[in-house]
Amino acid sequence: MSLDTATIRRIASLARIRLEEEEVGRMQAELNGILGWIEQLQSVDTEGVEPMAGGGAVSLRMREDVVTDGGIPEQVLANAPDREGEYFGVPKVVE
């Protein structure tokens, strides 16, 4: 399959890409090259090959969902601009 210049201009219009006249030829060669690669892929024998949805069947390790306070308030608040006890200090915004 080969695309002519009119088709390239139509594709550019649909994609809302402004092509100058000197760019049409280069774009035609690039798109025809891409279509050539697709034709090569279509000629590959895939008989007996199952389709894949991803890189492989990977299952993540599950951990127990436990709420903790972290137990390290000094490290957490070390870079806080202001603190009030073991909490971040923030300016009052509602009067």
N, C-alpha and C. Protein backbone atom coordinates (compact mmCIF):
# COMPACT_ATOMS: atom_id res chain seq x y z
N MET A 1 0.85 -1.17 0.00
CA MET A 1 0.00 0.00 0.00
C MET A 1 0.89 1.23 0.00
N SER A 2 0.55 2.18 -0.84
CA SER A 2 1.33 3.41 -0.93
C SER A 2 0.38 4.60 -0.88
N LEU A 3 0.74 5.60 -0.11
CA LEU A 3 -0.09 6.79 0.03
C LEU A 3 0.36 7.86 -0.95
N ASP A 4 -0.61 8.50 -1.61
CA ASP A 4 -0.27 9.59 -2.52
C ASP A 4 -0.28 10.93 -1.77
N THR A 5 0.14 11.99 -2.42
CA THR A 5 0.25 13.30 -1.75
C THR A 5 -1.10 13.83 -1.29
N ALA A 6 -2.16 13.53 -2.03
CA ALA A 6 -3.49 13.99 -1.62
C ALA A 6 -3.91 13.33 -0.31
N THR A 7 -3.60 12.06 -0.18
CA THR A 7 -3.92 11.34 1.06
C THR A 7 -3.09 11.88 2.22
N ILE A 8 -1.83 12.20 1.98
CA ILE A 8 -0.97 12.77 3.02
C ILE A 8 -1.54 14.11 3.49
N ARG A 9 -1.96 14.93 2.56
CA ARG A 9 -2.56 16.22 2.93
C ARG A 9 -3.85 16.02 3.72
N ARG A 10 -4.63 15.02 3.36
CA ARG A 10 -5.89 14.73 4.07
C ARG A 10 -5.59 14.25 5.50
N ILE A 11 -4.61 13.38 5.65
CA ILE A 11 -4.23 12.89 6.98
C ILE A 11 -3.74 14.05 7.83
N ALA A 12 -2.93 14.92 7.25
CA ALA A 12 -2.42 16.08 7.99
C ALA A 12 -3.57 16.99 8.40
N SER A 13 -4.54 17.16 7.53
CA SER A 13 -5.70 17.99 7.86
C SER A 13 -6.50 17.38 9.00
N LEU A 14 -6.73 16.08 8.95
CA LEU A 14 -7.48 15.42 10.02
C LEU A 14 -6.73 15.47 11.35
N ALA A 15 -5.40 15.41 11.29
CA ALA A 15 -4.59 15.46 12.50
C ALA A 15 -4.31 16.90 12.93
N ARG A 16 -4.82 17.84 12.17
CA ARG A 16 -4.61 19.26 12.43
C ARG A 16 -3.12 19.61 12.47
N ILE A 17 -2.40 19.07 11.47
CA ILE A 17 -0.98 19.34 11.32
C ILE A 17 -0.81 20.17 10.05
N ARG A 18 -0.16 21.31 10.18
CA ARG A 18 0.08 22.15 9.01
C ARG A 18 1.37 21.68 8.34
N LEU A 19 1.27 21.26 7.09
CA LEU A 19 2.43 20.81 6.33
C LEU A 19 2.71 21.81 5.21
N GLU A 20 3.95 22.24 5.12
CA GLU A 20 4.37 23.06 3.98
C GLU A 20 4.57 22.14 2.79
N GLU A 21 4.59 22.69 1.60
CA GLU A 21 4.71 21.88 0.38
C GLU A 21 5.97 21.02 0.38
N GLU A 22 7.08 21.56 0.89
CA GLU A 22 8.33 20.79 0.88
C GLU A 22 8.32 19.67 1.92
N GLU A 23 7.42 19.73 2.88
CA GLU A 23 7.33 18.69 3.90
C GLU A 23 6.46 17.51 3.48
N VAL A 24 5.61 17.71 2.48
CA VAL A 24 4.67 16.67 2.07
C VAL A 24 5.43 15.43 1.56
N GLY A 25 6.46 15.63 0.78
CA GLY A 25 7.22 14.51 0.25
C GLY A 25 7.92 13.71 1.34
N ARG A 26 8.51 14.42 2.30
CA ARG A 26 9.19 13.73 3.41
C ARG A 26 8.19 12.95 4.24
N MET A 27 7.03 13.56 4.51
CA MET A 27 6.00 12.89 5.30
C MET A 27 5.44 11.68 4.54
N GLN A 28 5.32 11.80 3.23
CA GLN A 28 4.84 10.68 2.42
C GLN A 28 5.81 9.50 2.52
N ALA A 29 7.11 9.78 2.46
CA ALA A 29 8.11 8.71 2.56
C ALA A 29 8.06 8.07 3.95
N GLU A 30 7.92 8.88 5.00
CA GLU A 30 7.87 8.33 6.37
C GLU A 30 6.64 7.45 6.58
N LEU A 31 5.47 7.94 6.18
CA LEU A 31 4.25 7.16 6.37
C LEU A 31 4.24 5.89 5.52
N ASN A 32 4.77 5.97 4.29
CA ASN A 32 4.85 4.78 3.46
C ASN A 32 5.82 3.77 4.07
N GLY A 33 6.89 4.24 4.71
CA GLY A 33 7.80 3.36 5.41
C GLY A 33 7.13 2.65 6.57
N ILE A 34 6.34 3.40 7.34
CA ILE A 34 5.61 2.82 8.47
C ILE A 34 4.63 1.77 7.98
N LEU A 35 3.91 2.08 6.92
CA LEU A 35 2.96 1.11 6.37
C LEU A 35 3.69 -0.13 5.84
N GLY A 36 4.90 0.04 5.32
CA GLY A 36 5.69 -1.09 4.87
C GLY A 36 6.05 -2.01 6.04
N TRP A 37 6.41 -1.41 7.17
CA TRP A 37 6.72 -2.22 8.36
C TRP A 37 5.49 -2.99 8.82
N ILE A 38 4.33 -2.35 8.76
CA ILE A 38 3.09 -3.02 9.17
C ILE A 38 2.81 -4.20 8.24
N GLU A 39 3.04 -4.03 6.96
CA GLU A 39 2.84 -5.14 6.01
C GLU A 39 3.80 -6.28 6.32
N GLN A 40 5.05 -5.96 6.72
CA GLN A 40 5.99 -7.01 7.09
C GLN A 40 5.50 -7.76 8.32
N LEU A 41 4.96 -7.05 9.32
CA LEU A 41 4.46 -7.70 10.52
C LEU A 41 3.26 -8.58 10.22
N GLN A 42 2.44 -8.17 9.27
CA GLN A 42 1.26 -8.97 8.92
C GLN A 42 1.66 -10.27 8.23
N SER A 43 2.85 -10.32 7.66
CA SER A 43 3.26 -11.55 6.97
C SER A 43 3.86 -12.58 7.93
N VAL A 44 4.05 -12.22 9.20
CA VAL A 44 4.62 -13.14 10.18
C VAL A 44 3.58 -14.19 10.55
N ASP A 45 4.01 -15.45 10.59
CA ASP A 45 3.12 -16.55 10.96
C ASP A 45 2.94 -16.56 12.48
N THR A 46 1.72 -16.31 12.93
CA THR A 46 1.43 -16.30 14.37
C THR A 46 0.51 -17.45 14.75
N GLU A 47 0.47 -18.45 13.94
CA GLU A 47 -0.38 -19.61 14.21
C GLU A 47 0.08 -20.29 15.49
N GLY A 48 -0.84 -20.48 16.42
CA GLY A 48 -0.53 -21.16 17.68
C GLY A 48 0.06 -20.26 18.75
N VAL A 49 0.19 -18.98 18.48
CA VAL A 49 0.73 -18.04 19.47
C VAL A 49 -0.43 -17.35 20.16
N GLU A 50 -0.48 -17.47 21.48
CA GLU A 50 -1.56 -16.84 22.21
C GLU A 50 -1.33 -15.34 22.35
N PRO A 51 -2.37 -14.53 22.24
CA PRO A 51 -2.21 -13.09 22.42
C PRO A 51 -1.82 -12.77 23.86
N MET A 52 -1.05 -11.70 24.02
CA MET A 52 -0.63 -11.28 25.35
C MET A 52 -1.21 -9.91 25.66
N ALA A 53 -1.62 -9.71 26.90
CA ALA A 53 -2.11 -8.41 27.32
C ALA A 53 -1.00 -7.59 27.95
N GLY A 54 0.11 -8.22 28.28
CA GLY A 54 1.22 -7.53 28.92
C GLY A 54 2.49 -8.33 28.80
N GLY A 55 3.47 -7.97 29.61
CA GLY A 55 4.77 -8.62 29.54
C GLY A 55 4.80 -10.01 30.13
N GLY A 56 3.87 -10.33 30.96
CA GLY A 56 3.85 -11.65 31.56
C GLY A 56 2.90 -11.69 32.74
N ALA A 57 2.64 -12.86 33.21
CA ALA A 57 1.74 -13.02 34.35
C ALA A 57 2.53 -12.82 35.63
N VAL A 58 2.43 -11.62 36.18
CA VAL A 58 3.16 -11.28 37.40
C VAL A 58 2.15 -10.98 38.49
N SER A 59 2.35 -11.59 39.64
CA SER A 59 1.48 -11.25 40.77
C SER A 59 2.32 -10.60 41.85
N LEU A 60 1.81 -9.54 42.40
CA LEU A 60 2.53 -8.81 43.43
C LEU A 60 2.31 -9.45 44.79
N ARG A 61 3.34 -9.36 45.63
CA ARG A 61 3.20 -9.87 46.99
C ARG A 61 2.24 -8.97 47.75
N MET A 62 1.36 -9.58 48.51
CA MET A 62 0.41 -8.83 49.31
C MET A 62 0.98 -8.68 50.72
N ARG A 63 0.76 -7.52 51.32
CA ARG A 63 1.17 -7.32 52.70
C ARG A 63 -0.06 -7.03 53.53
N GLU A 64 0.07 -7.24 54.80
CA GLU A 64 -1.04 -7.00 55.70
C GLU A 64 -1.32 -5.51 55.77
N ASP A 65 -2.57 -5.13 55.67
CA ASP A 65 -2.97 -3.73 55.70
C ASP A 65 -3.17 -3.30 57.15
N VAL A 66 -2.12 -2.71 57.73
CA VAL A 66 -2.14 -2.33 59.13
C VAL A 66 -1.86 -0.84 59.23
N VAL A 67 -2.67 -0.13 59.99
CA VAL A 67 -2.47 1.29 60.22
C VAL A 67 -1.52 1.47 61.39
N THR A 68 -0.46 2.25 61.17
CA THR A 68 0.49 2.54 62.25
C THR A 68 0.77 4.04 62.26
N ASP A 69 1.31 4.52 63.35
CA ASP A 69 1.69 5.93 63.41
C ASP A 69 3.11 6.14 62.94
N GLY A 70 3.79 5.10 62.57
CA GLY A 70 5.16 5.20 62.10
C GLY A 70 6.18 5.06 63.20
N GLY A 71 5.87 5.60 64.37
CA GLY A 71 6.77 5.47 65.50
C GLY A 71 8.04 6.30 65.40
N ILE A 72 8.11 7.22 64.45
CA ILE A 72 9.31 8.04 64.29
C ILE A 72 8.95 9.52 64.12
N PRO A 73 8.22 10.10 65.08
CA PRO A 73 7.78 11.49 64.91
C PRO A 73 8.93 12.48 64.79
N GLU A 74 10.03 12.23 65.46
CA GLU A 74 11.15 13.17 65.39
C GLU A 74 11.74 13.22 63.98
N GLN A 75 11.87 12.07 63.34
CA GLN A 75 12.40 12.03 61.98
C GLN A 75 11.41 12.64 60.99
N VAL A 76 10.14 12.39 61.20
CA VAL A 76 9.11 12.93 60.29
C VAL A 76 9.07 14.44 60.40
N LEU A 77 9.15 14.98 61.59
CA LEU A 77 9.02 16.42 61.81
C LEU A 77 10.35 17.16 61.76
N ALA A 78 11.44 16.49 61.43
CA ALA A 78 12.76 17.12 61.43
C ALA A 78 12.82 18.31 60.47
N ASN A 79 12.16 18.24 59.34
CA ASN A 79 12.21 19.32 58.34
C ASN A 79 10.95 20.17 58.34
N ALA A 80 10.10 20.01 59.32
CA ALA A 80 8.86 20.79 59.37
C ALA A 80 9.19 22.25 59.64
N PRO A 81 8.56 23.18 58.90
CA PRO A 81 8.84 24.60 59.14
C PRO A 81 8.35 25.06 60.52
N ASP A 82 7.29 24.45 61.00
CA ASP A 82 6.76 24.78 62.32
C ASP A 82 6.11 23.53 62.88
N ARG A 83 6.21 23.34 64.18
CA ARG A 83 5.60 22.17 64.77
C ARG A 83 4.99 22.53 66.11
N GLU A 84 3.98 21.77 66.44
CA GLU A 84 3.30 21.91 67.73
C GLU A 84 3.27 20.54 68.36
N GLY A 85 4.21 20.26 69.22
CA GLY A 85 4.32 18.93 69.83
C GLY A 85 4.75 17.93 68.79
N GLU A 86 3.95 16.90 68.58
CA GLU A 86 4.25 15.88 67.58
C GLU A 86 3.43 16.08 66.30
N TYR A 87 3.03 17.33 66.02
CA TYR A 87 2.20 17.63 64.86
C TYR A 87 2.83 18.77 64.05
N PHE A 88 2.48 18.84 62.77
CA PHE A 88 2.89 19.97 61.95
C PHE A 88 2.12 21.20 62.39
N GLY A 89 2.81 22.31 62.52
CA GLY A 89 2.14 23.57 62.83
C GLY A 89 1.80 24.29 61.53
N VAL A 90 0.54 24.69 61.38
CA VAL A 90 0.11 25.39 60.16
C VAL A 90 -0.59 26.68 60.57
N PRO A 91 -0.52 27.69 59.70
CA PRO A 91 -1.19 28.95 60.03
C PRO A 91 -2.71 28.79 60.03
N LYS A 92 -3.35 29.56 60.84
CA LYS A 92 -4.81 29.55 60.92
C LYS A 92 -5.38 30.22 59.69
N VAL A 93 -6.32 29.55 59.01
CA VAL A 93 -6.89 30.10 57.79
C VAL A 93 -8.36 30.49 57.95
N VAL A 94 -9.03 29.99 58.96
CA VAL A 94 -10.44 30.33 59.19
C VAL A 94 -10.52 31.10 60.49
N GLU A 95 -11.16 32.24 60.44
CA GLU A 95 -11.30 33.04 61.66
C GLU A 95 -12.71 32.99 62.18
